[in-house]
Amino acid sequence: MALEQTARLLKRLEEEGRLKSDRDTLAADLEAAYAGLTIAAGAAETLRGALKRAHGGLGAVAYKD
């Protein structure tokens, strides 16, 4: 959710002409940012699935006296 919110904010600021690049490469910088956010969102979904699987496996595990 936070990654999507960040992307939407960037897009809105971009559309409003409120962004600049210290390197004078705004288009390339935004392209890298959007790509990174997309990759991060996929990684977060993969992590969510892995944690759900681990949680499911640990649900039946108990300490043995």
PDB file of N, CA and C in Angstrom:
ATOM      1  N   MET A   1       0.823  -1.189   0.000  1.00  0.00           N
ATOM      2  CA  MET A   1       0.000   0.000   0.000  1.00  0.00           C
ATOM      3  C   MET A   1       0.867   1.253   0.000  1.00  0.00           C
ATOM      4  N   ALA A   2       1.873   1.291   0.852  1.00  0.00           N
ATOM      5  CA  ALA A   2       2.726   2.484   0.930  1.00  0.00           C
ATOM      6  C   ALA A   2       3.478   2.712  -0.379  1.00  0.00           C
ATOM      7  N   LEU A   3       3.869   1.638  -1.041  1.00  0.00           N
ATOM      8  CA  LEU A   3       4.595   1.782  -2.303  1.00  0.00           C
ATOM      9  C   LEU A   3       3.688   2.376  -3.380  1.00  0.00           C
ATOM     10  N   GLU A   4       2.450   1.924  -3.411  1.00  0.00           N
ATOM     11  CA  GLU A   4       1.498   2.462  -4.376  1.00  0.00           C
ATOM     12  C   GLU A   4       1.195   3.927  -4.073  1.00  0.00           C
ATOM     13  N   GLN A   5       1.082   4.269  -2.791  1.00  0.00           N
ATOM     14  CA  GLN A   5       0.846   5.655  -2.397  1.00  0.00           C
ATOM     15  C   GLN A   5       2.015   6.540  -2.831  1.00  0.00           C
ATOM     16  N   THR A   6       3.219   6.045  -2.663  1.00  0.00           N
ATOM     17  CA  THR A   6       4.401   6.794  -3.076  1.00  0.00           C
ATOM     18  C   THR A   6       4.396   7.020  -4.581  1.00  0.00           C
ATOM     19  N   ALA A   7       4.066   5.986  -5.338  1.00  0.00           N
ATOM     20  CA  ALA A   7       4.014   6.110  -6.796  1.00  0.00           C
ATOM     21  C   ALA A   7       2.941   7.111  -7.225  1.00  0.00           C
ATOM     22  N   ARG A   8       1.775   7.059  -6.570  1.00  0.00           N
ATOM     23  CA  ARG A   8       0.704   8.005  -6.908  1.00  0.00           C
ATOM     24  C   ARG A   8       1.114   9.438  -6.591  1.00  0.00           C
ATOM     25  N   LEU A   9       1.773   9.640  -5.467  1.00  0.00           N
ATOM     26  CA  LEU A   9       2.237  10.979  -5.104  1.00  0.00           C
ATOM     27  C   LEU A   9       3.253  11.479  -6.127  1.00  0.00           C
ATOM     28  N   LEU A  10       4.210  10.642  -6.476  1.00  0.00           N
ATOM     29  CA  LEU A  10       5.204  11.025  -7.486  1.00  0.00           C
ATOM     30  C   LEU A  10       4.528  11.398  -8.800  1.00  0.00           C
ATOM     31  N   LYS A  11       3.558  10.575  -9.215  1.00  0.00           N
ATOM     32  CA  LYS A  11       2.860  10.818 -10.481  1.00  0.00           C
ATOM     33  C   LYS A  11       2.121  12.152 -10.439  1.00  0.00           C
ATOM     34  N   ARG A  12       1.442  12.414  -9.330  1.00  0.00           N
ATOM     35  CA  ARG A  12       0.701  13.672  -9.200  1.00  0.00           C
ATOM     36  C   ARG A  12       1.649  14.862  -9.246  1.00  0.00           C
ATOM     37  N   LEU A  13       2.747  14.775  -8.500  1.00  0.00           N
ATOM     38  CA  LEU A  13       3.720  15.873  -8.496  1.00  0.00           C
ATOM     39  C   LEU A  13       4.357  16.049  -9.870  1.00  0.00           C
ATOM     40  N   GLU A  14       4.580  14.934 -10.557  1.00  0.00           N
ATOM     41  CA  GLU A  14       5.127  14.995 -11.915  1.00  0.00           C
ATOM     42  C   GLU A  14       4.145  15.716 -12.840  1.00  0.00           C
ATOM     43  N   GLU A  15       2.888  15.325 -12.771  1.00  0.00           N
ATOM     44  CA  GLU A  15       1.868  15.930 -13.635  1.00  0.00           C
ATOM     45  C   GLU A  15       1.690  17.422 -13.343  1.00  0.00           C
ATOM     46  N   GLU A  16       1.891  17.811 -12.097  1.00  0.00           N
ATOM     47  CA  GLU A  16       1.759  19.217 -11.713  1.00  0.00           C
ATOM     48  C   GLU A  16       3.028  20.025 -12.006  1.00  0.00           C
ATOM     49  N   GLY A  17       4.064  19.347 -12.498  1.00  0.00           N
ATOM     50  CA  GLY A  17       5.318  20.030 -12.796  1.00  0.00           C
ATOM     51  C   GLY A  17       6.057  20.495 -11.552  1.00  0.00           C
ATOM     52  N   ARG A  18       5.888  19.763 -10.446  1.00  0.00           N
ATOM     53  CA  ARG A  18       6.461  20.169  -9.173  1.00  0.00           C
ATOM     54  C   ARG A  18       7.766  19.454  -8.837  1.00  0.00           C
ATOM     55  N   LEU A  19       8.316  18.692  -9.777  1.00  0.00           N
ATOM     56  CA  LEU A  19       9.543  17.942  -9.518  1.00  0.00           C
ATOM     57  C   LEU A  19      10.688  18.446 -10.377  1.00  0.00           C
ATOM     58  N   LYS A  20      11.893  18.276  -9.860  1.00  0.00           N
ATOM     59  CA  LYS A  20      13.104  18.575 -10.628  1.00  0.00           C
ATOM     60  C   LYS A  20      14.159  17.556 -10.250  1.00  0.00           C
ATOM     61  N   SER A  21      15.192  17.489 -11.047  1.00  0.00           N
ATOM     62  CA  SER A  21      16.298  16.573 -10.796  1.00  0.00           C
ATOM     63  C   SER A  21      17.574  17.380 -10.604  1.00  0.00           C
ATOM     64  N   ASP A  22      18.304  17.057  -9.573  1.00  0.00           N
ATOM     65  CA  ASP A  22      19.586  17.722  -9.343  1.00  0.00           C
ATOM     66  C   ASP A  22      20.594  17.399 -10.446  1.00  0.00           C
ATOM     67  N   ARG A  23      20.323  16.324 -11.194  1.00  0.00           N
ATOM     68  CA  ARG A  23      21.209  15.915 -12.289  1.00  0.00           C
ATOM     69  C   ARG A  23      20.686  16.361 -13.648  1.00  0.00           C
ATOM     70  N   ASP A  24      19.550  17.072 -13.652  1.00  0.00           N
ATOM     71  CA  ASP A  24      18.911  17.474 -14.902  1.00  0.00           C
ATOM     72  C   ASP A  24      18.533  16.280 -15.768  1.00  0.00           C
ATOM     73  N   THR A  25      18.153  15.201 -15.117  1.00  0.00           N
ATOM     74  CA  THR A  25      17.726  13.980 -15.815  1.00  0.00           C
ATOM     75  C   THR A  25      16.411  13.488 -15.210  1.00  0.00           C
ATOM     76  N   LEU A  26      15.447  14.389 -15.087  1.00  0.00           N
ATOM     77  CA  LEU A  26      14.207  14.062 -14.391  1.00  0.00           C
ATOM     78  C   LEU A  26      13.493  12.860 -14.996  1.00  0.00           C
ATOM     79  N   ALA A  27      13.376  12.812 -16.304  1.00  0.00           N
ATOM     80  CA  ALA A  27      12.652  11.702 -16.940  1.00  0.00           C
ATOM     81  C   ALA A  27      13.301  10.365 -16.592  1.00  0.00           C
ATOM     82  N   ALA A  28      14.615  10.291 -16.702  1.00  0.00           N
ATOM     83  CA  ALA A  28      15.319   9.044 -16.384  1.00  0.00           C
ATOM     84  C   ALA A  28      15.229   8.731 -14.896  1.00  0.00           C
ATOM     85  N   ASP A  29      15.318   9.742 -14.055  1.00  0.00           N
ATOM     86  CA  ASP A  29      15.231   9.524 -12.611  1.00  0.00           C
ATOM     87  C   ASP A  29      13.853   9.006 -12.224  1.00  0.00           C
ATOM     88  N   LEU A  30      12.803   9.592 -12.806  1.00  0.00           N
ATOM     89  CA  LEU A  30      11.453   9.121 -12.507  1.00  0.00           C
ATOM     90  C   LEU A  30      11.223   7.716 -13.054  1.00  0.00           C
ATOM     91  N   GLU A  31      11.752   7.442 -14.220  1.00  0.00           N
ATOM     92  CA  GLU A  31      11.630   6.092 -14.781  1.00  0.00           C
ATOM     93  C   GLU A  31      12.267   5.078 -13.843  1.00  0.00           C
ATOM     94  N   ALA A  32      13.449   5.397 -13.318  1.00  0.00           N
ATOM     95  CA  ALA A  32      14.129   4.507 -12.374  1.00  0.00           C
ATOM     96  C   ALA A  32      13.323   4.368 -11.084  1.00  0.00           C
ATOM     97  N   ALA A  33      12.753   5.467 -10.619  1.00  0.00           N
ATOM     98  CA  ALA A  33      11.952   5.431  -9.394  1.00  0.00           C
ATOM     99  C   ALA A  33      10.715   4.561  -9.567  1.00  0.00           C
ATOM    100  N   TYR A  34       9.988   4.761 -10.662  1.00  0.00           N
ATOM    101  CA  TYR A  34       8.789   3.964 -10.913  1.00  0.00           C
ATOM    102  C   TYR A  34       9.143   2.480 -11.077  1.00  0.00           C
ATOM    103  N   ALA A  35      10.229   2.192 -11.780  1.00  0.00           N
ATOM    104  CA  ALA A  35      10.654   0.803 -11.959  1.00  0.00           C
ATOM    105  C   ALA A  35      11.034   0.191 -10.613  1.00  0.00           C
ATOM    106  N   GLY A  36      11.755   0.936  -9.811  1.00  0.00           N
ATOM    107  CA  GLY A  36      12.142   0.440  -8.495  1.00  0.00           C
ATOM    108  C   GLY A  36      10.944   0.178  -7.606  1.00  0.00           C
ATOM    109  N   LEU A  37       9.966   1.069  -7.645  1.00  0.00           N
ATOM    110  CA  LEU A  37       8.758   0.873  -6.847  1.00  0.00           C
ATOM    111  C   LEU A  37       7.978  -0.359  -7.315  1.00  0.00           C
ATOM    112  N   THR A  38       7.939  -0.583  -8.611  1.00  0.00           N
ATOM    113  CA  THR A  38       7.263  -1.765  -9.146  1.00  0.00           C
ATOM    114  C   THR A  38       7.961  -3.043  -8.693  1.00  0.00           C
ATOM    115  N   ILE A  39       9.278  -3.046  -8.775  1.00  0.00           N
ATOM    116  CA  ILE A  39      10.054  -4.212  -8.332  1.00  0.00           C
ATOM    117  C   ILE A  39       9.866  -4.427  -6.836  1.00  0.00           C
ATOM    118  N   ALA A  40       9.905  -3.344  -6.068  1.00  0.00           N
ATOM    119  CA  ALA A  40       9.729  -3.446  -4.617  1.00  0.00           C
ATOM    120  C   ALA A  40       8.350  -3.991  -4.268  1.00  0.00           C
ATOM    121  N   ALA A  41       7.327  -3.579  -5.006  1.00  0.00           N
ATOM    122  CA  ALA A  41       5.979  -4.082  -4.751  1.00  0.00           C
ATOM    123  C   ALA A  41       5.907  -5.587  -5.008  1.00  0.00           C
ATOM    124  N   GLY A  42       6.552  -6.037  -6.065  1.00  0.00           N
ATOM    125  CA  GLY A  42       6.595  -7.476  -6.344  1.00  0.00           C
ATOM    126  C   GLY A  42       7.345  -8.238  -5.266  1.00  0.00           C
ATOM    127  N   ALA A  43       8.457  -7.671  -4.809  1.00  0.00           N
ATOM    128  CA  ALA A  43       9.235  -8.309  -3.745  1.00  0.00           C
ATOM    129  C   ALA A  43       8.430  -8.362  -2.451  1.00  0.00           C
ATOM    130  N   ALA A  44       7.688  -7.302  -2.167  1.00  0.00           N
ATOM    131  CA  ALA A  44       6.866  -7.270  -0.956  1.00  0.00           C
ATOM    132  C   ALA A  44       5.783  -8.344  -1.026  1.00  0.00           C
ATOM    133  N   GLU A  45       5.193  -8.535  -2.189  1.00  0.00           N
ATOM    134  CA  GLU A  45       4.169  -9.563  -2.358  1.00  0.00           C
ATOM    135  C   GLU A  45       4.777 -10.951  -2.194  1.00  0.00           C
ATOM    136  N   THR A  46       5.979 -11.148  -2.727  1.00  0.00           N
ATOM    137  CA  THR A  46       6.673 -12.428  -2.561  1.00  0.00           C
ATOM    138  C   THR A  46       6.964 -12.685  -1.087  1.00  0.00           C
ATOM    139  N   LEU A  47       7.428 -11.668  -0.393  1.00  0.00           N
ATOM    140  CA  LEU A  47       7.705 -11.794   1.041  1.00  0.00           C
ATOM    141  C   LEU A  47       6.424 -12.108   1.811  1.00  0.00           C
ATOM    142  N   ARG A  48       5.328 -11.427   1.470  1.00  0.00           N
ATOM    143  CA  ARG A  48       4.053 -11.681   2.137  1.00  0.00           C
ATOM    144  C   ARG A  48       3.654 -13.140   1.986  1.00  0.00           C
ATOM    145  N   GLY A  49       3.781 -13.655   0.775  1.00  0.00           N
ATOM    146  CA  GLY A  49       3.433 -15.053   0.533  1.00  0.00           C
ATOM    147  C   GLY A  49       4.330 -16.011   1.303  1.00  0.00           C
ATOM    148  N   ALA A  50       5.623 -15.722   1.344  1.00  0.00           N
ATOM    149  CA  ALA A  50       6.556 -16.585   2.069  1.00  0.00           C
ATOM    150  C   ALA A  50       6.281 -16.566   3.567  1.00  0.00           C
ATOM    151  N   LEU A  51       5.990 -15.390   4.104  1.00  0.00           N
ATOM    152  CA  LEU A  51       5.687 -15.293   5.536  1.00  0.00           C
ATOM    153  C   LEU A  51       4.375 -15.996   5.868  1.00  0.00           C
ATOM    154  N   LYS A  52       3.399 -15.912   4.957  1.00  0.00           N
ATOM    155  CA  LYS A  52       2.130 -16.616   5.172  1.00  0.00           C
ATOM    156  C   LYS A  52       2.368 -18.124   5.198  1.00  0.00           C
ATOM    157  N   ARG A  53       3.217 -18.583   4.299  1.00  0.00           N
ATOM    158  CA  ARG A  53       3.530 -20.011   4.251  1.00  0.00           C
ATOM    159  C   ARG A  53       4.262 -20.456   5.510  1.00  0.00           C
ATOM    160  N   ALA A  54       5.233 -19.649   5.961  1.00  0.00           N
ATOM    161  CA  ALA A  54       5.962 -19.974   7.189  1.00  0.00           C
ATOM    162  C   ALA A  54       5.017 -19.977   8.386  1.00  0.00           C
ATOM    163  N   HIS A  55       4.130 -19.006   8.446  1.00  0.00           N
ATOM    164  CA  HIS A  55       3.166 -18.929   9.538  1.00  0.00           C
ATOM    165  C   HIS A  55       2.262 -20.148   9.541  1.00  0.00           C
ATOM    166  N   GLY A  56       1.820 -20.542   8.353  1.00  0.00           N
ATOM    167  CA  GLY A  56       0.976 -21.734   8.253  1.00  0.00           C
ATOM    168  C   GLY A  56       1.696 -22.985   8.722  1.00  0.00           C
ATOM    169  N   GLY A  57       2.958 -23.097   8.387  1.00  0.00           N
ATOM    170  CA  GLY A  57       3.732 -24.257   8.820  1.00  0.00           C
ATOM    171  C   GLY A  57       3.996 -24.252  10.312  1.00  0.00           C
ATOM    172  N   LEU A  58       4.236 -23.069  10.860  1.00  0.00           N
ATOM    173  CA  LEU A  58       4.538 -22.984  12.284  1.00  0.00           C
ATOM    174  C   LEU A  58       3.288 -23.110  13.160  1.00  0.00           C
ATOM    175  N   GLY A  59       2.117 -22.940  12.568  1.00  0.00           N
ATOM    176  CA  GLY A  59       0.881 -23.016  13.344  1.00  0.00           C
ATOM    177  C   GLY A  59       0.714 -24.330  14.078  1.00  0.00           C
ATOM    178  N   ALA A  60       1.211 -25.402  13.537  1.00  0.00           N
ATOM    179  CA  ALA A  60       1.055 -26.722  14.146  1.00  0.00           C
ATOM    180  C   ALA A  60       2.265 -27.131  14.985  1.00  0.00           C
ATOM    181  N   VAL A  61       3.276 -26.307  15.031  1.00  0.00           N
ATOM    182  CA  VAL A  61       4.503 -26.643  15.756  1.00  0.00           C
ATOM    183  C   VAL A  61       4.386 -26.185  17.206  1.00  0.00           C
ATOM    184  N   ALA A  62       4.748 -27.069  18.131  1.00  0.00           N
ATOM    185  CA  ALA A  62       4.670 -26.741  19.547  1.00  0.00           C
ATOM    186  C   ALA A  62       5.942 -27.208  20.257  1.00  0.00           C
ATOM    187  N   TYR A  63       6.177 -26.673  21.419  1.00  0.00           N
ATOM    188  CA  TYR A  63       7.322 -27.063  22.228  1.00  0.00           C
ATOM    189  C   TYR A  63       7.035 -28.424  22.873  1.00  0.00           C
ATOM    190  N   LYS A  64       8.024 -29.292  22.820  1.00  0.00           N
ATOM    191  CA  LYS A  64       7.873 -30.627  23.388  1.00  0.00           C
ATOM    192  C   LYS A  64       8.660 -30.697  24.693  1.00  0.00           C
ATOM    193  N   ASP A  65       7.983 -31.028  25.768  1.00  0.00           N
ATOM    194  CA  ASP A  65       8.656 -31.177  27.077  1.00  0.00           C
ATOM    195  C   ASP A  65       9.481 -32.429  27.120  1.00  0.00           C
TER     196      ASP A  65
END
